Amino acid sequence: MSLKILQSGLLSTIQDNGRFGFQKYGVIKSGAMDPYAHRLANILAGNPEDEATLEMTLLGPSIEFTEDHIIALTGGNLSPKVNGQPIPLWRPVFVRAGAKLEFGAPVSGCRTYMAVSGGYELEPELGSRSTYLKAGIGGVNGRALKENDDLKIRKSDLLDKAAIKNSEAKAIAASWYMKPDYTVINKTVRYIEGREYDWFTEDSRSGFNTEEFTLTSQSDRMGYRIEGPVLALKEKRELLSEAVGFGTIQVPAGGQPIILMADHQTTGGYPKMGQVITVDLPHLAQLKPGEKIKFEKTTVEEAQKLFVQRKKEIDFIRSMVKDKIDKGVL
């Protein structure tokens, strides 16, 4: 069972939850830019949450299905169509052999995730199937998909259980409150103070918390460069490089912040204004160049509360999907 890539799209890579345990050796974690959409795609397709998905950015690929498959698309809406007919996101969809999946203009967000029931048949490297482009490891030979690639798919028992042979699966869908709204203008991103927050002038801290920042075109899976009010230190200070993470907000000498993303380096030596909270990383990952955000400071306690709430939401939909699968009805 396989999928044939007819056109590659702008940037289509295999990603999973990431590569753990190797940052001490300088090997980055990688993984899905929008972890929430990635996990929900797998749940809706009946896969383990750490199974690999296909992450597609802005302009999706064209894919031919050589066998019947159940897929789930989540994340940004890149106008997916099967044989010219629009298909829904955030629910399982049955696709017949010979069908062609294509994408159009982005409606909301910029990254779509596709899980295929059974999972992509790829060997992990350093414990993960995530593609790390600069090192050339993971995914399909460590690179983005290209024309004529064949993605092997493991056999799925779900195809035999699912009573959806005549149309797309309609019984399971993520509840409305679980679907992120990527269309919100002037998105607010919450953060907790960084270790060097007090190094910045009062005006800089005030501007960071009240003014808008614009995502520039100099942004990728490694980091987002944003433009807004210049953030200045009270005085010039030296800083030893130390560990950084997904969502760390660093401020180089020029005063314009960089938000570290999924392919971030393992250490950094710039002062850190803050750390984006985990539940807001998906919204950040779906930003397109030119879109604006504002920052809102919160506490560790509130970030933990929101994280637990998100976990409960994911647990609920996982339980709902499992119940439907056990009953043989999608």
Protein backbone atom coordinates (compact mmCIF):
# COMPACT_ATOMS: atom_id res chain seq x y z
CA MET A 1 0.00 0.00 0.00
CA SER A 2 1.43 3.36 -0.96
CA LEU A 3 0.83 6.97 -1.89
CA LYS A 4 2.43 8.43 -5.01
CA ILE A 5 3.58 12.05 -4.94
CA LEU A 6 2.61 13.73 -8.22
CA GLN A 7 3.66 17.23 -7.18
CA SER A 8 5.70 18.04 -4.09
CA GLY A 9 4.15 21.29 -2.87
CA LEU A 10 6.14 24.09 -1.27
CA LEU A 11 7.50 22.14 1.72
CA SER A 12 6.10 18.72 2.59
CA THR A 13 7.96 16.70 5.20
CA ILE A 14 7.35 13.72 7.46
CA GLN A 15 7.17 14.70 11.14
CA ASP A 16 6.27 13.03 14.42
CA ASN A 17 6.51 14.11 18.07
CA GLY A 18 10.24 14.67 17.73
CA ARG A 19 13.64 13.20 18.46
CA PHE A 20 14.26 12.96 22.20
CA GLY A 21 17.45 12.40 24.18
CA PHE A 22 20.03 13.75 21.72
CA GLN A 23 20.13 17.51 22.28
CA LYS A 24 23.10 17.05 24.61
CA TYR A 25 24.97 15.86 21.51
CA GLY A 26 23.82 18.84 19.45
CA VAL A 27 21.05 16.92 17.62
CA ILE A 28 17.85 18.96 17.57
CA LYS A 29 14.41 17.63 18.48
CA SER A 30 12.52 18.62 15.28
CA GLY A 31 8.94 17.30 15.16
CA ALA A 32 5.64 18.83 14.09
CA MET A 33 5.39 22.61 14.12
CA ASP A 34 1.75 22.33 15.26
CA PRO A 35 1.87 19.46 17.79
CA TYR A 36 -1.85 19.70 18.55
CA ALA A 37 -2.96 19.29 14.94
CA HIS A 38 -0.41 16.49 14.48
CA ARG A 39 -1.74 14.53 17.48
CA LEU A 40 -5.41 15.02 16.55
CA ALA A 41 -4.76 13.84 12.98
CA ASN A 42 -3.36 10.57 14.29
CA ILE A 43 -6.17 10.08 16.81
CA LEU A 44 -8.83 10.64 14.13
CA ALA A 45 -7.07 8.16 11.82
CA GLY A 46 -6.95 5.53 14.57
CA ASN A 47 -3.17 5.75 14.98
CA PRO A 48 -0.98 6.13 18.07
CA GLU A 49 -0.34 9.82 18.74
CA ASP A 50 3.39 9.47 18.13
CA GLU A 51 2.89 8.06 14.63
CA ALA A 52 4.34 10.17 11.81
CA THR A 53 2.20 12.59 9.82
CA LEU A 54 2.81 14.54 6.63
CA GLU A 55 3.31 18.24 7.37
CA MET A 56 2.42 20.46 4.39
CA THR A 57 3.23 24.17 4.32
CA LEU A 58 1.24 26.88 2.46
CA LEU A 59 1.10 25.03 -0.87
CA GLY A 60 0.19 21.38 -0.51
CA PRO A 61 1.30 18.48 -2.71
CA SER A 62 -0.68 16.45 -5.21
CA ILE A 63 -1.02 12.82 -4.09
CA GLU A 64 -2.40 9.74 -5.84
CA PHE A 65 -3.81 6.92 -3.70
CA THR A 66 -2.88 3.52 -5.08
CA GLU A 67 -5.07 1.67 -2.53
CA ASP A 68 -8.10 2.45 -0.37
CA HIS A 69 -7.08 4.49 2.69
CA ILE A 70 -8.54 6.32 5.64
CA ILE A 71 -6.91 9.69 6.19
CA ALA A 72 -7.41 12.63 8.56
CA LEU A 73 -6.43 16.21 7.75
CA THR A 74 -6.01 18.74 10.55
CA GLY A 75 -4.35 22.10 11.09
CA GLY A 76 -4.55 24.94 8.59
CA ASN A 77 -7.12 24.83 5.82
CA LEU A 78 -5.25 24.59 2.52
CA SER A 79 -8.44 23.86 0.56
CA PRO A 80 -8.07 20.07 0.21
CA LYS A 81 -9.96 18.28 -2.56
CA VAL A 82 -10.27 14.65 -3.62
CA ASN A 83 -10.97 14.28 -7.34
CA GLY A 84 -11.95 17.93 -7.40
CA GLN A 85 -14.46 17.67 -4.53
CA PRO A 86 -13.74 19.55 -1.26
CA ILE A 87 -13.21 17.31 1.77
CA PRO A 88 -13.53 18.23 5.46
CA LEU A 89 -10.75 18.68 7.98
CA TRP A 90 -10.72 17.43 11.57
CA ARG A 91 -12.45 14.11 10.79
CA PRO A 92 -11.55 10.78 9.15
CA VAL A 93 -12.08 10.56 5.40
CA PHE A 94 -12.26 7.40 3.29
CA VAL A 95 -10.33 7.75 0.01
CA ARG A 96 -10.67 5.16 -2.73
CA ALA A 97 -7.82 3.68 -4.78
CA GLY A 98 -7.01 5.82 -7.81
CA ALA A 99 -8.24 9.05 -6.21
CA LYS A 100 -6.13 12.19 -6.29
CA LEU A 101 -5.74 14.54 -3.32
CA GLU A 102 -4.89 18.14 -4.16
CA PHE A 103 -4.70 21.44 -2.29
CA GLY A 104 -5.56 25.01 -3.20
CA ALA A 105 -5.19 28.42 -1.61
CA PRO A 106 -4.72 28.75 2.16
CA VAL A 107 -8.00 29.72 3.81
CA SER A 108 -6.71 29.78 7.37
CA GLY A 109 -3.38 28.85 8.89
CA CYS A 110 -0.45 27.66 6.80
CA ARG A 111 0.29 24.06 7.84
CA THR A 112 -1.89 21.01 7.26
CA TYR A 113 -1.19 17.57 8.74
CA MET A 114 -2.21 14.32 7.08
CA ALA A 115 -2.34 11.08 9.02
CA VAL A 116 -3.02 7.83 7.18
CA SER A 117 -4.57 4.96 9.10
CA GLY A 118 -1.84 2.37 9.69
CA GLY A 119 0.94 4.93 9.49
CA TYR A 120 3.78 5.68 7.11
CA GLU A 121 6.19 2.78 6.75
CA LEU A 122 9.48 4.54 7.45
CA GLU A 123 12.43 3.48 9.56
CA PRO A 124 13.15 5.77 12.53
CA GLU A 125 16.55 7.45 12.82
CA LEU A 126 17.74 8.22 16.33
CA GLY A 127 14.35 7.15 17.61
CA SER A 128 12.22 9.36 15.37
CA ARG A 129 10.81 9.58 11.84
CA SER A 130 10.88 13.39 11.92
CA THR A 131 12.68 15.04 9.02
CA TYR A 132 15.63 17.21 10.02
CA LEU A 133 16.46 18.89 6.73
CA LYS A 134 19.82 20.46 7.60
CA ALA A 135 21.23 17.17 8.88
CA GLY A 136 19.52 15.07 6.21
CA ILE A 137 18.04 12.53 8.61
CA GLY A 138 14.57 11.12 9.21
CA GLY A 139 11.51 11.11 6.98
CA VAL A 140 12.17 10.26 3.33
CA ASN A 141 15.97 10.23 3.04
CA GLY A 142 16.18 13.28 5.28
CA ARG A 143 14.56 15.62 2.75
CA ALA A 144 11.28 17.16 1.73
CA LEU A 145 9.03 15.14 -0.55
CA LYS A 146 9.58 15.42 -4.28
CA GLU A 147 7.80 14.35 -7.43
CA ASN A 148 7.49 10.57 -7.97
CA ASP A 149 8.17 9.68 -4.34
CA ASP A 150 6.26 6.62 -3.09
CA LEU A 151 5.18 6.65 0.53
CA LYS A 152 4.61 3.14 1.82
CA ILE A 153 1.68 2.73 4.22
CA ARG A 154 1.28 -0.04 6.79
CA LYS A 155 -1.84 -2.17 6.57
CA SER A 156 -4.68 -0.85 8.70
CA ASP A 157 -7.31 -3.01 10.38
CA LEU A 158 -9.50 0.08 10.48
CA LEU A 159 -10.37 -0.33 6.80
CA ASP A 160 -12.05 -3.65 7.59
CA LYS A 161 -13.89 -2.30 10.61
CA ALA A 162 -15.08 1.01 9.23
CA ALA A 163 -18.55 1.15 7.72
CA ILE A 164 -17.67 4.11 5.49
CA LYS A 165 -17.08 2.58 2.09
CA ASN A 166 -19.57 4.81 0.31
CA SER A 167 -18.47 8.26 1.46
CA GLU A 168 -16.27 10.14 3.89
CA ALA A 169 -16.40 9.24 7.55
CA LYS A 170 -18.93 11.50 9.22
CA ALA A 171 -19.62 10.04 12.65
CA ILE A 172 -16.39 11.23 14.25
CA ALA A 173 -15.32 14.84 14.15
CA ALA A 174 -13.38 17.02 16.53
CA SER A 175 -15.79 19.10 18.59
CA TRP A 176 -15.99 22.74 17.57
CA TYR A 177 -14.18 23.97 20.68
CA MET A 178 -11.25 21.67 19.91
CA LYS A 179 -10.65 23.20 16.48
CA PRO A 180 -8.25 26.13 16.74
CA ASP A 181 -9.45 29.33 15.07
CA TYR A 182 -6.54 30.24 12.80
CA THR A 183 -8.48 33.14 11.24
CA VAL A 184 -8.27 35.40 14.30
CA ILE A 185 -6.63 38.69 13.38
CA ASN A 186 -4.04 40.19 15.74
CA LYS A 187 -3.53 36.91 17.55
CA THR A 188 -2.49 37.04 21.19
CA VAL A 189 0.39 34.79 22.20
CA ARG A 190 0.87 34.18 25.90
CA TYR A 191 4.31 33.83 27.45
CA ILE A 192 6.08 33.56 30.77
CA GLU A 193 9.04 35.75 31.67
CA GLY A 194 12.45 34.66 30.43
CA ARG A 195 15.53 34.50 32.63
CA GLU A 196 16.76 37.86 31.33
CA TYR A 197 13.38 39.64 31.30
CA ASP A 198 14.56 42.21 33.86
CA TRP A 199 17.63 43.02 31.76
CA PHE A 200 15.41 44.95 29.35
CA THR A 201 14.42 48.59 29.85
CA GLU A 202 10.99 49.40 31.23
CA ASP A 203 9.99 50.93 27.87
CA SER A 204 11.06 47.76 26.07
CA ARG A 205 9.09 45.51 28.41
CA SER A 206 6.05 47.79 28.09
CA GLY A 207 6.32 47.83 24.29
CA PHE A 208 6.65 44.07 24.15
CA ASN A 209 3.46 43.64 26.16
CA THR A 210 1.34 46.26 24.36
CA GLU A 211 2.54 46.73 20.77
CA GLU A 212 2.01 44.55 17.69
CA PHE A 213 4.73 42.46 16.07
CA THR A 214 4.69 41.31 12.44
CA LEU A 215 5.97 37.94 11.23
CA THR A 216 8.62 38.54 8.56
CA SER A 217 9.43 36.45 5.50
CA GLN A 218 12.73 35.53 7.20
CA SER A 219 10.96 32.81 9.15
CA ASP A 220 11.13 29.03 8.90
CA ARG A 221 10.94 25.84 10.95
CA MET A 222 14.02 26.94 12.92
CA GLY A 223 12.77 30.33 14.03
CA TYR A 224 10.39 33.23 13.44
CA ARG A 225 11.81 36.71 12.99
CA ILE A 226 9.27 39.29 14.07
CA GLU A 227 9.35 43.07 13.70
CA GLY A 228 7.98 45.59 16.16
CA PRO A 229 9.29 48.07 18.73
CA VAL A 230 13.03 47.77 19.34
CA LEU A 231 13.78 45.92 22.57
CA ALA A 232 16.80 47.39 24.35
CA LEU A 233 18.85 46.25 27.34
CA LYS A 234 19.41 48.55 30.31
CA GLU A 235 23.12 48.04 29.79
CA LYS A 236 25.39 45.89 27.67
CA ARG A 237 25.85 42.50 29.28
CA GLU A 238 27.49 39.21 28.38
CA LEU A 239 25.59 35.93 28.47
CA LEU A 240 26.86 32.38 28.33
CA SER A 241 25.04 30.09 25.90
CA GLU A 242 22.43 27.94 27.62
CA ALA A 243 19.60 25.59 26.74
CA VAL A 244 16.68 26.91 24.68
CA GLY A 245 13.39 25.34 23.64
CA PHE A 246 10.46 25.48 21.25
CA GLY A 247 8.92 28.92 21.89
CA THR A 248 11.94 30.64 23.47
CA ILE A 249 11.90 34.36 22.61
CA GLN A 250 15.46 35.56 22.09
CA VAL A 251 16.48 39.16 21.41
CA PRO A 252 19.67 39.70 19.35
CA ALA A 253 21.69 42.93 19.41
CA GLY A 254 19.43 44.58 16.81
CA GLY A 255 16.50 44.50 19.23
CA GLN A 256 14.07 42.55 17.03
CA PRO A 257 12.95 39.24 18.62
CA ILE A 258 13.37 35.74 17.24
CA ILE A 259 10.95 33.05 18.39
CA LEU A 260 12.57 29.62 18.26
CA MET A 261 10.42 26.98 16.56
CA ALA A 262 10.44 23.19 16.11
CA ASP A 263 13.87 22.99 14.44
CA HIS A 264 15.51 25.32 16.98
CA GLN A 265 19.15 24.94 17.91
CA THR A 266 20.02 23.25 21.19
CA THR A 267 21.61 26.29 22.90
CA GLY A 268 21.44 30.05 22.52
CA GLY A 269 23.41 33.04 23.77
CA TYR A 270 20.97 35.93 23.31
CA PRO A 271 18.95 37.41 26.20
CA LYS A 272 15.56 35.78 26.53
CA MET A 273 12.50 37.99 26.90
CA GLY A 274 10.20 35.04 27.47
CA GLN A 275 8.93 31.58 26.67
CA VAL A 276 5.71 31.03 24.70
CA ILE A 277 3.40 28.71 26.66
CA THR A 278 2.85 25.24 25.23
CA VAL A 279 -0.85 25.62 24.36
CA ASP A 280 -0.16 28.70 22.20
CA LEU A 281 2.59 27.09 20.09
CA PRO A 282 0.05 25.66 17.59
CA HIS A 283 -1.38 29.13 16.85
CA LEU A 284 2.14 30.46 16.45
CA ALA A 285 3.02 27.63 14.06
CA GLN A 286 0.07 28.53 11.81
CA LEU A 287 1.08 32.18 11.32
CA LYS A 288 1.80 33.36 7.78
CA PRO A 289 4.37 36.07 6.90
CA GLY A 290 2.80 39.50 7.25
CA GLU A 291 0.37 38.46 9.99
CA LYS A 292 0.50 40.24 13.33
CA ILE A 293 0.61 39.07 16.91
CA LYS A 294 0.56 40.63 20.36
CA PHE A 295 2.15 39.20 23.48
CA GLU A 296 0.46 38.75 26.84
CA LYS A 297 2.42 37.85 29.94
CA THR A 298 1.09 35.04 32.10
CA THR A 299 2.31 32.85 34.95
CA VAL A 300 3.76 29.37 35.13
CA GLU A 301 0.72 28.30 37.16
CA GLU A 302 -1.71 29.52 34.48
CA ALA A 303 0.36 27.90 31.73
CA GLN A 304 0.24 24.58 33.60
CA LYS A 305 -3.53 24.92 34.12
CA LEU A 306 -4.08 25.48 30.39
CA PHE A 307 -1.78 22.56 29.56
CA VAL A 308 -3.80 20.21 31.79
CA GLN A 309 -7.04 21.45 30.22
CA ARG A 310 -5.67 20.77 26.73
CA LYS A 311 -4.62 17.28 27.80
CA LYS A 312 -8.16 16.58 29.04
CA GLU A 313 -9.59 17.71 25.69
CA ILE A 314 -7.24 15.38 23.81
CA ASP A 315 -8.03 12.51 26.18
CA PHE A 316 -11.76 13.06 25.56
CA ILE A 317 -11.56 12.89 21.78
CA ARG A 318 -9.18 9.91 21.97
CA SER A 319 -11.73 8.07 24.10
CA MET A 320 -14.56 9.02 21.73
CA VAL A 321 -12.68 7.80 18.66
CA LYS A 322 -11.65 4.55 20.35
CA ASP A 323 -15.28 3.88 21.29
CA LYS A 324 -16.41 4.35 17.69
CA ILE A 325 -13.59 2.15 16.36
CA ASP A 326 -14.38 -0.62 18.87
CA LYS A 327 -17.98 -0.57 17.67
CA GLY A 328 -16.81 -0.76 14.06
CA VAL A 329 -18.47 2.50 13.13
CA LEU A 330 -16.59 5.57 11.95
